[in-house]
Amino acid sequence: MLTLYGRRDSSNTAKVLWLLDELALPFDFVLTGGKFGGNDNNEFLQMNPFGKVPVIRHGDVIVWESNAVLRYLANLQDSGPLWPQAAGEAAKIDRWMDWSSISVTPPLTRLRKAMKAGTANDAARQSVMAPFAQVNAWLGNNRYLAGEHLTLADMTFAPSAYRYCLLQDKVSLPNLETYVERLNENEAYRRHISGALT
């Protein structure tokens, strides 16, 4: 049996929930982290020594780090265009997953925290704007990040794209906004991203 440890308002858990929904994989959901706690107890730390969610347990297999979880789940069955078997096609997706996790999510998280604390400055805003402006240009010629179909790349980037659109005083990025509207046509996206994250 597959067990997911996490919480719905975690962007990293949300993208895993989205994929589980797309793949129609049955799982048990153990609410963990944030207000639910449990991510600092001994049992959880033996699964993930860093105490972060999401974590999945699948029989004897334990996977942490959300992108690793997405790849593992997609490899459990034929995932079609979400995660193709051809190495070259998968690499097109992989690069966007890493880019999103390294270049987009950390500065956006720092900016959101600074805005909440009232300490946001122009440098923090620019560190977020630069990658979003780049992806906005890319989306002018591409329906999705890795081409014409929804993939794990979009699932990785979607929480940040959604949260960018919620920012006050953001620069309008029409291609990004159209992309987010396109994602919002997906029922699982609405359930796990736009309907769960703030």
N, C-alpha and C. Protein backbone atom coordinates (compact mmCIF):
# COMPACT_ATOMS: atom_id res chain seq x y z
N MET A 1 0.85 -1.20 0.00
CA MET A 1 0.00 0.00 0.00
C MET A 1 0.88 1.24 0.00
N LEU A 2 0.41 2.28 -0.64
CA LEU A 2 1.12 3.54 -0.74
C LEU A 2 0.60 4.49 0.34
N THR A 3 1.53 5.10 1.08
CA THR A 3 1.16 6.07 2.11
C THR A 3 1.88 7.37 1.84
N LEU A 4 1.14 8.47 1.86
CA LEU A 4 1.69 9.80 1.69
C LEU A 4 1.60 10.54 3.01
N TYR A 5 2.72 11.11 3.42
CA TYR A 5 2.79 11.95 4.62
C TYR A 5 2.95 13.39 4.16
N GLY A 6 2.05 14.26 4.57
CA GLY A 6 2.13 15.65 4.16
C GLY A 6 0.88 16.39 4.57
N ARG A 7 0.72 17.58 4.00
CA ARG A 7 -0.47 18.39 4.30
C ARG A 7 -0.89 19.13 3.04
N ARG A 8 -2.17 19.37 2.90
CA ARG A 8 -2.72 19.92 1.66
C ARG A 8 -2.23 21.34 1.37
N ASP A 9 -1.89 22.12 2.40
CA ASP A 9 -1.46 23.50 2.15
C ASP A 9 0.05 23.62 1.93
N SER A 10 0.72 22.49 1.78
CA SER A 10 2.13 22.48 1.40
C SER A 10 2.22 22.38 -0.12
N SER A 11 2.92 23.32 -0.75
CA SER A 11 3.01 23.28 -2.21
C SER A 11 3.68 22.00 -2.69
N ASN A 12 4.65 21.50 -1.94
CA ASN A 12 5.33 20.27 -2.35
C ASN A 12 4.44 19.05 -2.21
N THR A 13 3.60 19.03 -1.19
CA THR A 13 2.64 17.93 -1.07
C THR A 13 1.54 18.07 -2.12
N ALA A 14 1.13 19.31 -2.40
CA ALA A 14 0.04 19.55 -3.36
C ALA A 14 0.36 18.97 -4.73
N LYS A 15 1.59 19.13 -5.19
CA LYS A 15 1.92 18.61 -6.52
C LYS A 15 1.92 17.09 -6.53
N VAL A 16 2.28 16.46 -5.40
CA VAL A 16 2.22 15.00 -5.31
C VAL A 16 0.76 14.54 -5.31
N LEU A 17 -0.08 15.24 -4.58
CA LEU A 17 -1.51 14.91 -4.58
C LEU A 17 -2.10 15.03 -5.98
N TRP A 18 -1.69 16.05 -6.71
CA TRP A 18 -2.16 16.23 -8.09
C TRP A 18 -1.78 15.02 -8.94
N LEU A 19 -0.53 14.58 -8.86
CA LEU A 19 -0.11 13.44 -9.67
C LEU A 19 -0.84 12.17 -9.25
N LEU A 20 -0.98 11.94 -7.96
CA LEU A 20 -1.73 10.76 -7.49
C LEU A 20 -3.14 10.76 -8.07
N ASP A 21 -3.74 11.93 -8.11
CA ASP A 21 -5.08 12.07 -8.68
C ASP A 21 -5.07 11.75 -10.18
N GLU A 22 -4.10 12.31 -10.91
CA GLU A 22 -4.01 12.06 -12.35
C GLU A 22 -3.81 10.58 -12.66
N LEU A 23 -3.01 9.91 -11.84
CA LEU A 23 -2.70 8.50 -12.08
C LEU A 23 -3.74 7.56 -11.47
N ALA A 24 -4.69 8.11 -10.71
CA ALA A 24 -5.72 7.32 -10.02
C ALA A 24 -5.09 6.23 -9.15
N LEU A 25 -4.00 6.61 -8.45
CA LEU A 25 -3.33 5.67 -7.56
C LEU A 25 -3.96 5.75 -6.17
N PRO A 26 -4.40 4.63 -5.61
CA PRO A 26 -4.94 4.65 -4.24
C PRO A 26 -3.81 4.84 -3.22
N PHE A 27 -4.11 5.55 -2.16
CA PHE A 27 -3.10 5.80 -1.14
C PHE A 27 -3.76 6.18 0.18
N ASP A 28 -3.03 5.98 1.26
CA ASP A 28 -3.42 6.50 2.56
C ASP A 28 -2.74 7.84 2.75
N PHE A 29 -3.43 8.78 3.35
CA PHE A 29 -2.88 10.12 3.55
C PHE A 29 -2.76 10.37 5.05
N VAL A 30 -1.53 10.53 5.52
CA VAL A 30 -1.28 10.81 6.94
C VAL A 30 -0.92 12.29 7.05
N LEU A 31 -1.81 13.07 7.64
CA LEU A 31 -1.58 14.51 7.77
C LEU A 31 -0.37 14.74 8.68
N THR A 32 0.63 15.41 8.13
CA THR A 32 1.91 15.57 8.81
C THR A 32 2.49 16.94 8.47
N GLY A 33 3.16 17.54 9.45
CA GLY A 33 3.83 18.82 9.24
C GLY A 33 2.90 19.98 9.50
N GLY A 34 3.48 21.18 9.62
CA GLY A 34 2.66 22.37 9.89
C GLY A 34 1.88 22.21 11.18
N LYS A 35 0.61 22.57 11.13
CA LYS A 35 -0.23 22.50 12.34
C LYS A 35 -0.50 21.07 12.78
N PHE A 36 -0.21 20.09 11.91
CA PHE A 36 -0.46 18.69 12.26
C PHE A 36 0.72 18.07 13.01
N GLY A 37 1.90 18.66 12.87
CA GLY A 37 3.08 18.14 13.55
C GLY A 37 3.45 16.74 13.07
N GLY A 38 4.18 16.05 13.90
CA GLY A 38 4.57 14.67 13.61
C GLY A 38 5.80 14.53 12.75
N ASN A 39 6.28 15.63 12.17
CA ASN A 39 7.44 15.53 11.29
C ASN A 39 8.76 15.65 12.05
N ASP A 40 8.67 15.81 13.38
CA ASP A 40 9.89 15.87 14.18
C ASP A 40 10.00 14.69 15.14
N ASN A 41 9.09 13.72 14.99
CA ASN A 41 9.19 12.56 15.87
C ASN A 41 10.15 11.52 15.28
N ASN A 42 10.55 10.61 16.10
CA ASN A 42 11.56 9.62 15.73
C ASN A 42 11.16 8.80 14.52
N GLU A 43 9.91 8.36 14.49
CA GLU A 43 9.44 7.50 13.39
C GLU A 43 9.54 8.24 12.05
N PHE A 44 9.12 9.51 12.04
CA PHE A 44 9.17 10.26 10.79
C PHE A 44 10.61 10.56 10.39
N LEU A 45 11.44 10.93 11.36
CA LEU A 45 12.83 11.28 11.06
C LEU A 45 13.63 10.07 10.57
N GLN A 46 13.18 8.88 10.89
CA GLN A 46 13.83 7.69 10.33
C GLN A 46 13.49 7.55 8.84
N MET A 47 12.32 8.07 8.44
CA MET A 47 11.98 8.07 7.01
C MET A 47 12.67 9.22 6.29
N ASN A 48 12.62 10.41 6.87
CA ASN A 48 13.26 11.59 6.27
C ASN A 48 14.02 12.32 7.37
N PRO A 49 15.33 12.21 7.39
CA PRO A 49 16.11 12.82 8.48
C PRO A 49 16.01 14.34 8.51
N PHE A 50 15.49 14.96 7.44
CA PHE A 50 15.36 16.42 7.39
C PHE A 50 14.01 16.90 7.91
N GLY A 51 13.10 15.98 8.21
CA GLY A 51 11.82 16.34 8.81
C GLY A 51 10.89 17.12 7.92
N LYS A 52 11.02 16.96 6.61
CA LYS A 52 10.19 17.71 5.66
C LYS A 52 9.16 16.79 5.00
N VAL A 53 8.05 17.41 4.58
CA VAL A 53 7.05 16.69 3.79
C VAL A 53 7.12 17.23 2.36
N PRO A 54 6.71 16.39 1.41
CA PRO A 54 6.08 15.08 1.53
C PRO A 54 7.10 13.95 1.61
N VAL A 55 6.59 12.84 2.13
CA VAL A 55 7.30 11.57 2.13
C VAL A 55 6.30 10.52 1.70
N ILE A 56 6.74 9.56 0.89
CA ILE A 56 5.87 8.42 0.61
C ILE A 56 6.56 7.15 1.08
N ARG A 57 5.71 6.23 1.54
CA ARG A 57 6.15 4.88 1.87
C ARG A 57 5.36 3.94 0.97
N HIS A 58 6.08 3.11 0.25
CA HIS A 58 5.45 2.16 -0.67
C HIS A 58 6.10 0.81 -0.41
N GLY A 59 5.46 0.03 0.45
CA GLY A 59 6.09 -1.22 0.88
C GLY A 59 7.36 -0.88 1.65
N ASP A 60 8.49 -1.40 1.19
CA ASP A 60 9.77 -1.12 1.84
C ASP A 60 10.46 0.12 1.27
N VAL A 61 9.87 0.75 0.29
CA VAL A 61 10.48 1.90 -0.37
C VAL A 61 10.00 3.18 0.30
N ILE A 62 10.95 4.04 0.66
CA ILE A 62 10.63 5.36 1.21
C ILE A 62 11.28 6.40 0.30
N VAL A 63 10.48 7.38 -0.11
CA VAL A 63 10.99 8.44 -0.99
C VAL A 63 10.62 9.79 -0.38
N TRP A 64 11.60 10.69 -0.31
CA TRP A 64 11.37 12.07 0.09
C TRP A 64 12.00 12.98 -0.94
N GLU A 65 11.71 14.27 -0.83
CA GLU A 65 11.97 15.29 -1.86
C GLU A 65 10.89 15.15 -2.93
N SER A 66 10.09 16.19 -3.06
CA SER A 66 8.87 16.10 -3.87
C SER A 66 9.12 15.72 -5.32
N ASN A 67 10.19 16.23 -5.93
CA ASN A 67 10.44 15.87 -7.33
C ASN A 67 10.81 14.40 -7.46
N ALA A 68 11.57 13.89 -6.49
CA ALA A 68 11.90 12.46 -6.49
C ALA A 68 10.63 11.63 -6.31
N VAL A 69 9.72 12.12 -5.47
CA VAL A 69 8.44 11.43 -5.27
C VAL A 69 7.65 11.40 -6.57
N LEU A 70 7.60 12.54 -7.27
CA LEU A 70 6.86 12.60 -8.53
C LEU A 70 7.42 11.59 -9.53
N ARG A 71 8.73 11.56 -9.67
CA ARG A 71 9.34 10.63 -10.63
C ARG A 71 9.08 9.18 -10.24
N TYR A 72 9.18 8.90 -8.96
CA TYR A 72 8.94 7.53 -8.49
C TYR A 72 7.50 7.10 -8.83
N LEU A 73 6.55 7.94 -8.49
CA LEU A 73 5.15 7.60 -8.73
C LEU A 73 4.87 7.45 -10.22
N ALA A 74 5.42 8.34 -11.03
CA ALA A 74 5.20 8.27 -12.47
C ALA A 74 5.79 7.01 -13.07
N ASN A 75 6.86 6.49 -12.45
CA ASN A 75 7.49 5.27 -12.95
C ASN A 75 6.76 4.00 -12.53
N LEU A 76 5.78 4.12 -11.64
CA LEU A 76 5.05 2.94 -11.19
C LEU A 76 4.16 2.36 -12.28
N GLN A 77 3.79 3.17 -13.24
CA GLN A 77 2.92 2.72 -14.33
C GLN A 77 3.20 3.58 -15.56
N ASP A 78 2.61 3.22 -16.66
CA ASP A 78 2.78 4.03 -17.87
C ASP A 78 2.07 5.37 -17.65
N SER A 79 2.85 6.42 -17.59
CA SER A 79 2.30 7.74 -17.31
C SER A 79 2.08 8.57 -18.56
N GLY A 80 2.31 7.95 -19.73
CA GLY A 80 2.10 8.67 -20.99
C GLY A 80 2.94 9.93 -21.05
N PRO A 81 2.36 11.02 -21.55
CA PRO A 81 3.14 12.25 -21.71
C PRO A 81 3.54 12.92 -20.39
N LEU A 82 2.89 12.54 -19.28
CA LEU A 82 3.28 13.13 -18.00
C LEU A 82 4.74 12.89 -17.69
N TRP A 83 5.23 11.68 -18.03
CA TRP A 83 6.62 11.29 -17.77
C TRP A 83 6.99 10.20 -18.76
N PRO A 84 7.38 10.58 -19.97
CA PRO A 84 7.65 9.59 -21.02
C PRO A 84 8.84 8.70 -20.68
N GLN A 85 8.85 7.52 -21.27
CA GLN A 85 9.94 6.57 -21.03
C GLN A 85 11.20 6.94 -21.80
N ALA A 86 11.08 7.60 -22.94
CA ALA A 86 12.25 7.96 -23.74
C ALA A 86 13.11 8.96 -22.97
N ALA A 87 14.41 8.66 -22.87
CA ALA A 87 15.31 9.48 -22.05
C ALA A 87 15.33 10.93 -22.49
N GLY A 88 15.35 11.17 -23.80
CA GLY A 88 15.39 12.54 -24.29
C GLY A 88 14.15 13.33 -23.94
N GLU A 89 12.99 12.69 -24.03
CA GLU A 89 11.73 13.35 -23.68
C GLU A 89 11.65 13.61 -22.18
N ALA A 90 12.10 12.63 -21.39
CA ALA A 90 12.10 12.81 -19.93
C ALA A 90 13.04 13.95 -19.53
N ALA A 91 14.17 14.07 -20.23
CA ALA A 91 15.14 15.13 -19.91
C ALA A 91 14.54 16.52 -20.13
N LYS A 92 13.67 16.66 -21.13
CA LYS A 92 13.01 17.95 -21.36
C LYS A 92 12.17 18.36 -20.15
N ILE A 93 11.62 17.36 -19.50
CA ILE A 93 10.79 17.58 -18.31
C ILE A 93 11.67 17.81 -17.09
N ASP A 94 12.67 16.95 -16.95
CA ASP A 94 13.58 16.99 -15.81
C ASP A 94 14.22 18.36 -15.63
N ARG A 95 14.66 18.96 -16.73
CA ARG A 95 15.35 20.24 -16.61
C ARG A 95 14.44 21.32 -16.05
N TRP A 96 13.15 21.30 -16.45
CA TRP A 96 12.21 22.28 -15.92
C TRP A 96 11.88 22.01 -14.46
N MET A 97 11.83 20.74 -14.08
CA MET A 97 11.57 20.41 -12.67
C MET A 97 12.69 20.98 -11.80
N ASP A 98 13.94 20.77 -12.22
CA ASP A 98 15.07 21.27 -11.43
C ASP A 98 15.11 22.79 -11.45
N TRP A 99 14.87 23.38 -12.61
CA TRP A 99 14.86 24.85 -12.70
C TRP A 99 13.83 25.44 -11.75
N SER A 100 12.65 24.88 -11.75
CA SER A 100 11.59 25.39 -10.89
C SER A 100 11.97 25.31 -9.42
N SER A 101 12.51 24.17 -9.03
CA SER A 101 12.84 23.96 -7.62
C SER A 101 14.04 24.78 -7.16
N ILE A 102 14.95 25.10 -8.07
CA ILE A 102 16.17 25.81 -7.71
C ILE A 102 16.05 27.32 -7.95
N SER A 103 15.47 27.71 -9.08
CA SER A 103 15.49 29.11 -9.50
C SER A 103 14.23 29.89 -9.19
N VAL A 104 13.12 29.19 -8.96
CA VAL A 104 11.84 29.89 -8.77
C VAL A 104 11.32 29.80 -7.34
N THR A 105 11.19 28.58 -6.83
CA THR A 105 10.56 28.40 -5.53
C THR A 105 11.30 29.09 -4.39
N PRO A 106 12.63 28.96 -4.26
CA PRO A 106 13.29 29.61 -3.11
C PRO A 106 13.14 31.14 -3.08
N PRO A 107 13.40 31.86 -4.19
CA PRO A 107 13.22 33.32 -4.08
C PRO A 107 11.76 33.72 -3.87
N LEU A 108 10.83 32.97 -4.44
CA LEU A 108 9.41 33.29 -4.24
C LEU A 108 9.03 33.07 -2.78
N THR A 109 9.51 32.00 -2.19
CA THR A 109 9.22 31.73 -0.78
C THR A 109 9.79 32.84 0.11
N ARG A 110 11.03 33.26 -0.18
CA ARG A 110 11.63 34.34 0.61
C ARG A 110 10.83 35.64 0.45
N LEU A 111 10.40 35.95 -0.77
CA LEU A 111 9.63 37.18 -0.99
C LEU A 111 8.30 37.13 -0.25
N ARG A 112 7.61 36.01 -0.33
CA ARG A 112 6.31 35.91 0.34
C ARG A 112 6.46 36.10 1.85
N LYS A 113 7.52 35.51 2.42
CA LYS A 113 7.77 35.67 3.86
C LYS A 113 8.11 37.13 4.18
N ALA A 114 8.91 37.76 3.33
CA ALA A 114 9.27 39.16 3.56
C ALA A 114 8.06 40.07 3.43
N MET A 115 7.19 39.79 2.47
CA MET A 115 5.98 40.59 2.31
C MET A 115 5.08 40.46 3.53
N LYS A 116 4.99 39.24 4.04
CA LYS A 116 4.17 39.01 5.23
C LYS A 116 4.74 39.77 6.43
N ALA A 117 6.07 39.85 6.50
CA ALA A 117 6.72 40.55 7.62
C ALA A 117 6.86 42.05 7.37
N GLY A 118 6.50 42.50 6.15
CA GLY A 118 6.62 43.92 5.82
C GLY A 118 8.04 44.35 5.55
N THR A 119 8.91 43.41 5.15
CA THR A 119 10.31 43.74 4.93
C THR A 119 10.76 43.51 3.48
N ALA A 120 9.81 43.33 2.57
CA ALA A 120 10.17 43.07 1.17
C ALA A 120 10.83 44.31 0.57
N ASN A 121 11.86 44.09 -0.23
CA ASN A 121 12.55 45.20 -0.90
C ASN A 121 12.65 44.91 -2.39
N ASP A 122 13.19 45.88 -3.13
CA ASP A 122 13.27 45.75 -4.58
C ASP A 122 14.14 44.58 -5.00
N ALA A 123 15.21 44.32 -4.27
CA ALA A 123 16.10 43.20 -4.61
C ALA A 123 15.35 41.87 -4.51
N ALA A 124 14.54 41.72 -3.47
CA ALA A 124 13.77 40.48 -3.30
C ALA A 124 12.74 40.34 -4.42
N ARG A 125 12.11 41.44 -4.79
CA ARG A 125 11.13 41.40 -5.88
C ARG A 125 11.81 41.06 -7.21
N GLN A 126 12.98 41.64 -7.46
CA GLN A 126 13.68 41.39 -8.71
C GLN A 126 14.15 39.93 -8.80
N SER A 127 14.55 39.35 -7.67
CA SER A 127 15.00 37.95 -7.69
C SER A 127 13.86 37.01 -8.08
N VAL A 128 12.64 37.44 -7.85
CA VAL A 128 11.47 36.66 -8.26
C VAL A 128 11.08 37.00 -9.69
N MET A 129 11.13 38.27 -10.03
CA MET A 129 10.67 38.70 -11.35
C MET A 129 11.51 38.12 -12.48
N ALA A 130 12.82 38.03 -12.29
CA ALA A 130 13.69 37.59 -13.38
C ALA A 130 13.31 36.21 -13.91
N PRO A 131 13.20 35.17 -13.07
CA PRO A 131 12.83 33.86 -13.63
C PRO A 131 11.40 33.82 -14.16
N PHE A 132 10.49 34.55 -13.53
CA PHE A 132 9.12 34.55 -14.05
C PHE A 132 9.04 35.26 -15.40
N ALA A 133 9.82 36.30 -15.58
CA ALA A 133 9.84 36.98 -16.88
C ALA A 133 10.41 36.05 -17.95
N GLN A 134 11.42 35.27 -17.59
CA GLN A 134 12.00 34.32 -18.55
C GLN A 134 10.99 33.24 -18.95
N VAL A 135 10.28 32.70 -17.97
CA VAL A 135 9.32 31.66 -18.30
C VAL A 135 8.12 32.25 -19.05
N ASN A 136 7.79 33.50 -18.76
CA ASN A 136 6.72 34.17 -19.51
C ASN A 136 7.07 34.23 -21.00
N ALA A 137 8.33 34.55 -21.31
CA ALA A 137 8.77 34.58 -22.70
C ALA A 137 8.68 33.20 -23.33
N TRP A 138 9.11 32.17 -22.59
CA TRP A 138 9.06 30.79 -23.09
C TRP A 138 7.62 30.38 -23.40
N LEU A 139 6.71 30.75 -22.52
CA LEU A 139 5.31 30.35 -22.68
C LEU A 139 4.62 31.10 -23.82
N GLY A 140 5.28 32.08 -24.38
CA GLY A 140 4.74 32.73 -25.56
C GLY A 140 4.72 31.81 -26.78
N ASN A 141 5.57 30.78 -26.76
CA ASN A 141 5.66 29.85 -27.89
C ASN A 141 5.39 28.40 -27.51
N ASN A 142 4.99 28.16 -26.26
CA ASN A 142 4.78 26.79 -25.78
C ASN A 142 3.55 26.74 -24.89
N ARG A 143 2.69 25.76 -25.12
CA ARG A 143 1.49 25.63 -24.29
C ARG A 143 1.84 25.25 -22.85
N TYR A 144 2.80 24.36 -22.70
CA TYR A 144 3.25 23.89 -21.39
C TYR A 144 4.76 24.00 -21.33
N LEU A 145 5.34 23.78 -20.19
CA LEU A 145 6.78 23.98 -20.05
C LEU A 145 7.60 23.08 -20.95
N ALA A 146 7.22 21.83 -21.08
CA ALA A 146 8.02 20.88 -21.86
C ALA A 146 7.43 20.61 -23.23
N GLY A 147 6.47 21.43 -23.67
CA GLY A 147 5.91 21.24 -25.00
C GLY A 147 4.41 21.42 -25.05
N GLU A 148 3.74 20.52 -25.74
CA GLU A 148 2.31 20.66 -26.00
C GLU A 148 1.42 19.97 -24.99
N HIS A 149 2.03 19.21 -24.07
CA HIS A 149 1.23 18.41 -23.12
C HIS A 149 1.63 18.70 -21.68
N LEU A 150 0.68 18.54 -20.80
CA LEU A 150 0.93 18.61 -19.36
C LEU A 150 1.92 17.52 -18.97
N THR A 151 2.92 17.89 -18.16
CA THR A 151 3.92 16.93 -17.70
C THR A 151 4.25 17.19 -16.23
N LEU A 152 5.15 16.38 -15.69
CA LEU A 152 5.63 16.59 -14.32
C LEU A 152 6.29 17.96 -14.18
N ALA A 153 6.82 18.52 -15.27
CA ALA A 153 7.40 19.86 -15.21
C ALA A 153 6.36 20.88 -14.76
N ASP A 154 5.16 20.78 -15.31
CA ASP A 154 4.09 21.73 -14.96
C ASP A 154 3.61 21.50 -13.54
N MET A 155 3.56 20.24 -13.13
CA MET A 155 3.13 19.95 -11.76
C MET A 155 4.11 20.52 -10.74
N THR A 156 5.39 20.54 -11.10
CA THR A 156 6.41 21.08 -10.21
C THR A 156 6.33 22.60 -10.15
N PHE A 157 6.09 23.23 -11.28
CA PHE A 157 6.08 24.68 -11.37
C PHE A 157 4.74 25.30 -10.95
N ALA A 158 3.66 24.57 -11.09
CA ALA A 158 2.31 25.13 -10.90
C ALA A 158 2.09 25.82 -9.56
N PRO A 159 2.52 25.26 -8.42
CA PRO A 159 2.28 25.97 -7.16
C PRO A 159 2.92 27.36 -7.14
N SER A 160 4.13 27.48 -7.68
CA SER A 160 4.79 28.79 -7.72
C SER A 160 4.09 29.73 -8.69
N ALA A 161 3.69 29.22 -9.85
CA ALA A 161 2.98 30.06 -10.82
C ALA A 161 1.68 30.59 -10.22
N TYR A 162 0.95 29.71 -9.55
CA TYR A 162 -0.30 30.11 -8.91
C TYR A 162 -0.04 31.18 -7.84
N ARG A 163 0.98 30.95 -7.01
CA ARG A 163 1.28 31.90 -5.94
C ARG A 163 1.81 33.22 -6.49
N TYR A 164 2.50 33.18 -7.61
CA TYR A 164 2.93 34.44 -8.23
C TYR A 164 1.70 35.28 -8.59
N CYS A 165 0.70 34.63 -9.15
CA CYS A 165 -0.51 35.34 -9.57
C CYS A 165 -1.27 35.94 -8.39
N LEU A 166 -1.02 35.44 -7.17
CA LEU A 166 -1.67 35.98 -5.98
C LEU A 166 -0.94 37.18 -5.39
N LEU A 167 0.31 37.42 -5.84
CA LEU A 167 1.11 38.50 -5.25
C LEU A 167 0.49 39.87 -5.49
N GLN A 168 0.62 40.72 -4.50
CA GLN A 168 0.26 42.13 -4.66
C GLN A 168 1.38 42.82 -5.44
N ASP A 169 1.05 43.83 -6.21
CA ASP A 169 2.05 44.65 -6.92
C ASP A 169 2.94 43.83 -7.85
N LYS A 170 2.41 42.78 -8.42
CA LYS A 170 3.22 41.99 -9.35
C LYS A 170 3.19 42.63 -10.74
N VAL A 171 4.20 42.33 -11.52
CA VAL A 171 4.23 42.76 -12.91
C VAL A 171 3.34 41.82 -13.71
N SER A 172 2.53 42.38 -14.59
CA SER A 172 1.66 41.54 -15.41
C SER A 172 2.49 40.76 -16.43
N LEU A 173 2.29 39.46 -16.45
CA LEU A 173 2.98 38.56 -17.38
C LEU A 173 1.91 37.79 -18.14
N PRO A 174 1.46 38.29 -19.27
CA PRO A 174 0.28 37.72 -19.95
C PRO A 174 0.40 36.25 -20.31
N ASN A 175 1.56 35.82 -20.78
CA ASN A 175 1.70 34.41 -21.17
C ASN A 175 1.62 33.50 -19.95
N LEU A 176 2.22 33.93 -18.86
CA LEU A 176 2.14 33.16 -17.61
C LEU A 176 0.71 33.09 -17.12
N GLU A 177 0.00 34.21 -17.19
CA GLU A 177 -1.39 34.25 -16.72
C GLU A 177 -2.27 33.34 -17.58
N THR A 178 -2.04 33.33 -18.89
CA THR A 178 -2.79 32.43 -19.77
C THR A 178 -2.49 30.97 -19.45
N TYR A 179 -1.23 30.69 -19.16
CA TYR A 179 -0.80 29.34 -18.78
C TYR A 179 -1.51 28.90 -17.50
N VAL A 180 -1.56 29.77 -16.50
CA VAL A 180 -2.24 29.42 -15.24
C VAL A 180 -3.73 29.20 -15.49
N GLU A 181 -4.33 30.00 -16.36
CA GLU A 181 -5.74 29.77 -16.72
C GLU A 181 -5.91 28.41 -17.39
N ARG A 182 -4.95 28.03 -18.22
CA ARG A 182 -5.00 26.73 -18.88
C ARG A 182 -4.89 25.61 -17.85
N LEU A 183 -3.98 25.75 -16.90
CA LEU A 183 -3.86 24.74 -15.84
C LEU A 183 -5.16 24.63 -15.05
N ASN A 184 -5.82 25.76 -14.86
CA ASN A 184 -7.05 25.78 -14.06
C ASN A 184 -8.20 25.03 -14.73
N GLU A 185 -8.04 24.66 -15.98
CA GLU A 185 -9.04 23.82 -16.65
C GLU A 185 -8.95 22.37 -16.20
N ASN A 186 -7.85 22.02 -15.54
CA ASN A 186 -7.63 20.66 -15.06
C ASN A 186 -8.26 20.50 -13.67
N GLU A 187 -9.15 19.53 -13.55
CA GLU A 187 -9.88 19.36 -12.28
C GLU A 187 -8.96 19.07 -11.10
N ALA A 188 -7.95 18.23 -11.32
CA ALA A 188 -7.03 17.90 -10.22
C ALA A 188 -6.19 19.11 -9.82
N TYR A 189 -5.83 19.95 -10.77
CA TYR A 189 -5.14 21.21 -10.45
C TYR A 189 -6.02 22.06 -9.54
N ARG A 190 -7.28 22.20 -9.91
CA ARG A 190 -8.19 23.02 -9.10
C ARG A 190 -8.33 22.44 -7.70
N ARG A 191 -8.35 21.14 -7.61
CA ARG A 191 -8.54 20.48 -6.31
C ARG A 191 -7.31 20.66 -5.41
N HIS A 192 -6.13 20.50 -5.98
CA HIS A 192 -4.93 20.42 -5.15
C HIS A 192 -4.04 21.67 -5.18
N ILE A 193 -4.21 22.53 -6.18
CA ILE A 193 -3.38 23.74 -6.26
C ILE A 193 -4.24 24.97 -5.97
N SER A 194 -5.07 25.38 -6.93
CA SER A 194 -5.82 26.62 -6.72
C SER A 194 -6.86 26.50 -5.62
N GLY A 195 -7.32 25.29 -5.34
CA GLY A 195 -8.32 25.11 -4.30
C GLY A 195 -7.74 24.84 -2.91
N ALA A 196 -6.40 24.70 -2.82
CA ALA A 196 -5.81 24.31 -1.54
C ALA A 196 -4.70 25.25 -1.07
N LEU A 197 -4.05 25.95 -1.98
CA LEU A 197 -2.91 26.78 -1.60
C LEU A 197 -3.30 28.25 -1.48
N THR A 198 -2.59 28.95 -0.62
CA THR A 198 -2.80 30.39 -0.44
C THR A 198 -1.49 31.11 -0.70
